[in-house]
């Protein structure tokens, strides 16, 4: 299996996306998910 660019960073970002989806569930507007992801990125020091 090939390694890909920024593997650890990608893994962390996808994990945060899944966490937001797990907490909020489905059916919200895109703005709700964007705000939640922005909050999670700030907590995890992701610019």
PDB file of N, CA and C in Angstrom:
ATOM      1  N   UNK A   1       0.845  -1.176   0.000  1.00  0.00           N
ATOM      2  CA  UNK A   1       0.000   0.000   0.000  1.00  0.00           C
ATOM      3  C   UNK A   1       0.886   1.233   0.000  1.00  0.00           C
ATOM      4  N   UNK A   2       0.524   2.205  -0.802  1.00  0.00           N
ATOM      5  CA  UNK A   2       1.303   3.424  -0.902  1.00  0.00           C
ATOM      6  C   UNK A   2       0.954   4.391   0.215  1.00  0.00           C
ATOM      7  N   UNK A   3       1.975   5.097   0.681  1.00  0.00           N
ATOM      8  CA  UNK A   3       1.717   6.188   1.616  1.00  0.00           C
ATOM      9  C   UNK A   3       1.232   7.386   0.833  1.00  0.00           C
ATOM     10  N   UNK A   4       0.410   8.187   1.436  1.00  0.00           N
ATOM     11  CA  UNK A   4      -0.046   9.376   0.749  1.00  0.00           C
ATOM     12  C   UNK A   4       0.341  10.614   1.536  1.00  0.00           C
ATOM     13  N   UNK A   5       0.303  11.726   0.850  1.00  0.00           N
ATOM     14  CA  UNK A   5       0.739  13.014   1.367  1.00  0.00           C
ATOM     15  C   UNK A   5      -0.134  13.443   2.553  1.00  0.00           C
ATOM     16  N   UNK A   6       0.495  13.857   3.623  1.00  0.00           N
ATOM     17  CA  UNK A   6      -0.187  14.351   4.830  1.00  0.00           C
ATOM     18  C   UNK A   6      -1.158  13.321   5.424  1.00  0.00           C
ATOM     19  N   UNK A   7      -0.712  12.110   5.546  1.00  0.00           N
ATOM     20  CA  UNK A   7      -1.556  11.016   6.033  1.00  0.00           C
ATOM     21  C   UNK A   7      -2.123  11.290   7.430  1.00  0.00           C
ATOM     22  N   UNK A   8      -1.279  11.698   8.355  1.00  0.00           N
ATOM     23  CA  UNK A   8      -1.747  11.924   9.733  1.00  0.00           C
ATOM     24  C   UNK A   8      -2.745  13.084   9.808  1.00  0.00           C
ATOM     25  N   UNK A   9      -2.460  14.150   9.069  1.00  0.00           N
ATOM     26  CA  UNK A   9      -3.350  15.301   9.064  1.00  0.00           C
ATOM     27  C   UNK A   9      -4.705  14.942   8.464  1.00  0.00           C
ATOM     28  N   UNK A  10      -4.675  14.181   7.375  1.00  0.00           N
ATOM     29  CA  UNK A  10      -5.907  13.740   6.727  1.00  0.00           C
ATOM     30  C   UNK A  10      -6.730  12.864   7.662  1.00  0.00           C
ATOM     31  N   UNK A  11      -6.074  11.950   8.353  1.00  0.00           N
ATOM     32  CA  UNK A  11      -6.746  11.061   9.292  1.00  0.00           C
ATOM     33  C   UNK A  11      -7.432  11.868  10.399  1.00  0.00           C
ATOM     34  N   UNK A  12      -6.738  12.881  10.919  1.00  0.00           N
ATOM     35  CA  UNK A  12      -7.310  13.698  11.996  1.00  0.00           C
ATOM     36  C   UNK A  12      -8.516  14.495  11.504  1.00  0.00           C
ATOM     37  N   UNK A  13      -8.417  15.096  10.312  1.00  0.00           N
ATOM     38  CA  UNK A  13      -9.516  15.891   9.771  1.00  0.00           C
ATOM     39  C   UNK A  13     -10.738  15.024   9.502  1.00  0.00           C
ATOM     40  N   UNK A  14     -10.534  13.866   8.914  1.00  0.00           N
ATOM     41  CA  UNK A  14     -11.665  12.963   8.653  1.00  0.00           C
ATOM     42  C   UNK A  14     -12.287  12.509   9.965  1.00  0.00           C
ATOM     43  N   UNK A  15     -11.465  12.249  10.959  1.00  0.00           N
ATOM     44  CA  UNK A  15     -11.981  11.868  12.273  1.00  0.00           C
ATOM     45  C   UNK A  15     -12.847  12.952  12.889  1.00  0.00           C
ATOM     46  N   UNK A  16     -12.430  14.204  12.750  1.00  0.00           N
ATOM     47  CA  UNK A  16     -13.229  15.308  13.276  1.00  0.00           C
ATOM     48  C   UNK A  16     -14.541  15.443  12.518  1.00  0.00           C
ATOM     49  N   UNK A  17     -14.502  15.240  11.208  1.00  0.00           N
ATOM     50  CA  UNK A  17     -15.736  15.282  10.414  1.00  0.00           C
ATOM     51  C   UNK A  17     -16.708  14.205  10.866  1.00  0.00           C
ATOM     52  N   UNK A  18     -16.200  13.020  11.100  1.00  0.00           N
ATOM     53  CA  UNK A  18     -17.061  11.925  11.544  1.00  0.00           C
ATOM     54  C   UNK A  18     -17.619  12.203  12.940  1.00  0.00           C
ATOM     55  N   UNK A  19     -16.811  12.799  13.799  1.00  0.00           N
ATOM     56  CA  UNK A  19     -17.268  13.134  15.145  1.00  0.00           C
ATOM     57  C   UNK A  19     -18.399  14.160  15.106  1.00  0.00           C
ATOM     58  N   UNK A  20     -18.253  15.181  14.273  1.00  0.00           N
ATOM     59  CA  UNK A  20     -19.303  16.198  14.139  1.00  0.00           C
ATOM     60  C   UNK A  20     -20.579  15.542  13.623  1.00  0.00           C
ATOM     61  N   UNK A  21     -20.453  14.666  12.638  1.00  0.00           N
ATOM     62  CA  UNK A  21     -21.627  14.005  12.081  1.00  0.00           C
ATOM     63  C   UNK A  21     -22.282  13.104  13.127  1.00  0.00           C
ATOM     64  N   UNK A  22     -21.458  12.428  13.938  1.00  0.00           N
ATOM     65  CA  UNK A  22     -21.992  11.550  14.985  1.00  0.00           C
ATOM     66  C   UNK A  22     -22.785  12.356  16.016  1.00  0.00           C
ATOM     67  N   UNK A  23     -22.287  13.534  16.360  1.00  0.00           N
ATOM     68  CA  UNK A  23     -22.951  14.356  17.371  1.00  0.00           C
ATOM     69  C   UNK A  23     -24.197  15.035  16.808  1.00  0.00           C
ATOM     70  N   UNK A  24     -24.077  15.635  15.630  1.00  0.00           N
ATOM     71  CA  UNK A  24     -25.199  16.398  15.075  1.00  0.00           C
ATOM     72  C   UNK A  24     -26.214  15.528  14.337  1.00  0.00           C
ATOM     73  N   UNK A  25     -25.768  14.426  13.780  1.00  0.00           N
ATOM     74  CA  UNK A  25     -26.667  13.603  12.981  1.00  0.00           C
ATOM     75  C   UNK A  25     -26.877  14.200  11.606  1.00  0.00           C
ATOM     76  N   UNK A  26     -27.868  13.693  10.906  1.00  0.00           N
ATOM     77  CA  UNK A  26     -28.095  14.170   9.544  1.00  0.00           C
ATOM     78  C   UNK A  26     -29.259  15.148   9.502  1.00  0.00           C
ATOM     79  N   UNK A  27     -29.331  15.894   8.402  1.00  0.00           N
ATOM     80  CA  UNK A  27     -30.477  16.753   8.179  1.00  0.00           C
ATOM     81  C   UNK A  27     -30.285  18.222   8.470  1.00  0.00           C
ATOM     82  N   UNK A  28     -29.108  18.621   8.913  1.00  0.00           N
ATOM     83  CA  UNK A  28     -28.861  20.032   9.180  1.00  0.00           C
ATOM     84  C   UNK A  28     -28.393  20.732   7.916  1.00  0.00           C
ATOM     85  N   UNK A  29     -28.436  22.047   7.945  1.00  0.00           N
ATOM     86  CA  UNK A  29     -27.943  22.810   6.802  1.00  0.00           C
ATOM     87  C   UNK A  29     -26.408  22.764   6.785  1.00  0.00           C
ATOM     88  N   UNK A  30     -25.856  23.103   5.637  1.00  0.00           N
ATOM     89  CA  UNK A  30     -24.409  23.094   5.470  1.00  0.00           C
ATOM     90  C   UNK A  30     -23.738  24.064   6.440  1.00  0.00           C
ATOM     91  N   UNK A  31     -24.396  25.187   6.723  1.00  0.00           N
ATOM     92  CA  UNK A  31     -23.824  26.172   7.643  1.00  0.00           C
ATOM     93  C   UNK A  31     -23.656  25.623   9.055  1.00  0.00           C
ATOM     94  N   UNK A  32     -24.560  24.795   9.492  1.00  0.00           N
ATOM     95  CA  UNK A  32     -24.467  24.200  10.829  1.00  0.00           C
ATOM     96  C   UNK A  32     -23.243  23.302  10.913  1.00  0.00           C
ATOM     97  N   UNK A  33     -23.052  22.457   9.914  1.00  0.00           N
ATOM     98  CA  UNK A  33     -21.880  21.574   9.896  1.00  0.00           C
ATOM     99  C   UNK A  33     -20.589  22.376   9.777  1.00  0.00           C
ATOM    100  N   UNK A  34     -20.600  23.435   8.954  1.00  0.00           N
ATOM    101  CA  UNK A  34     -19.408  24.268   8.781  1.00  0.00           C
ATOM    102  C   UNK A  34     -19.016  24.939  10.097  1.00  0.00           C
ATOM    103  N   UNK A  35     -19.988  25.455  10.823  1.00  0.00           N
ATOM    104  CA  UNK A  35     -19.705  26.085  12.112  1.00  0.00           C
ATOM    105  C   UNK A  35     -19.166  25.070  13.115  1.00  0.00           C
ATOM    106  N   UNK A  36     -19.741  23.893  13.129  1.00  0.00           N
ATOM    107  CA  UNK A  36     -19.286  22.852  14.051  1.00  0.00           C
ATOM    108  C   UNK A  36     -17.863  22.406  13.705  1.00  0.00           C
ATOM    109  N   UNK A  37     -17.568  22.264  12.419  1.00  0.00           N
ATOM    110  CA  UNK A  37     -16.217  21.883  12.015  1.00  0.00           C
ATOM    111  C   UNK A  37     -15.214  22.983  12.332  1.00  0.00           C
ATOM    112  N   UNK A  38     -15.600  24.216  12.126  1.00  0.00           N
ATOM    113  CA  UNK A  38     -14.711  25.331  12.464  1.00  0.00           C
ATOM    114  C   UNK A  38     -14.370  25.303  13.952  1.00  0.00           C
ATOM    115  N   UNK A  39     -15.363  25.063  14.773  1.00  0.00           N
ATOM    116  CA  UNK A  39     -15.161  24.967  16.216  1.00  0.00           C
ATOM    117  C   UNK A  39     -14.203  23.819  16.563  1.00  0.00           C
ATOM    118  N   UNK A  40     -14.441  22.645  15.977  1.00  0.00           N
ATOM    119  CA  UNK A  40     -13.591  21.491  16.244  1.00  0.00           C
ATOM    120  C   UNK A  40     -12.156  21.720  15.750  1.00  0.00           C
ATOM    121  N   UNK A  41     -12.018  22.345  14.587  1.00  0.00           N
ATOM    122  CA  UNK A  41     -10.673  22.640  14.060  1.00  0.00           C
ATOM    123  C   UNK A  41      -9.934  23.576  15.002  1.00  0.00           C
ATOM    124  N   UNK A  42     -10.611  24.591  15.539  1.00  0.00           N
ATOM    125  CA  UNK A  42      -9.972  25.511  16.471  1.00  0.00           C
ATOM    126  C   UNK A  42      -9.535  24.796  17.754  1.00  0.00           C
ATOM    127  N   UNK A  43     -10.407  23.914  18.253  1.00  0.00           N
ATOM    128  CA  UNK A  43     -10.054  23.150  19.466  1.00  0.00           C
ATOM    129  C   UNK A  43      -8.846  22.256  19.246  1.00  0.00           C
ATOM    130  N   UNK A  44      -8.684  21.772  18.023  1.00  0.00           N
ATOM    131  CA  UNK A  44      -7.592  20.841  17.711  1.00  0.00           C
ATOM    132  C   UNK A  44      -6.424  21.518  16.986  1.00  0.00           C
ATOM    133  N   UNK A  45      -6.399  22.847  17.008  1.00  0.00           N
ATOM    134  CA  UNK A  45      -5.299  23.638  16.447  1.00  0.00           C
ATOM    135  C   UNK A  45      -5.015  23.311  14.984  1.00  0.00           C
ATOM    136  N   UNK A  46      -6.097  23.227  14.202  1.00  0.00           N
ATOM    137  CA  UNK A  46      -5.978  23.016  12.762  1.00  0.00           C
ATOM    138  C   UNK A  46      -6.354  24.322  12.083  1.00  0.00           C
ATOM    139  N   UNK A  47      -5.406  24.923  11.359  1.00  0.00           N
ATOM    140  CA  UNK A  47      -5.713  26.211  10.706  1.00  0.00           C
ATOM    141  C   UNK A  47      -6.685  26.073   9.555  1.00  0.00           C
TER     142      UNK A  47
END
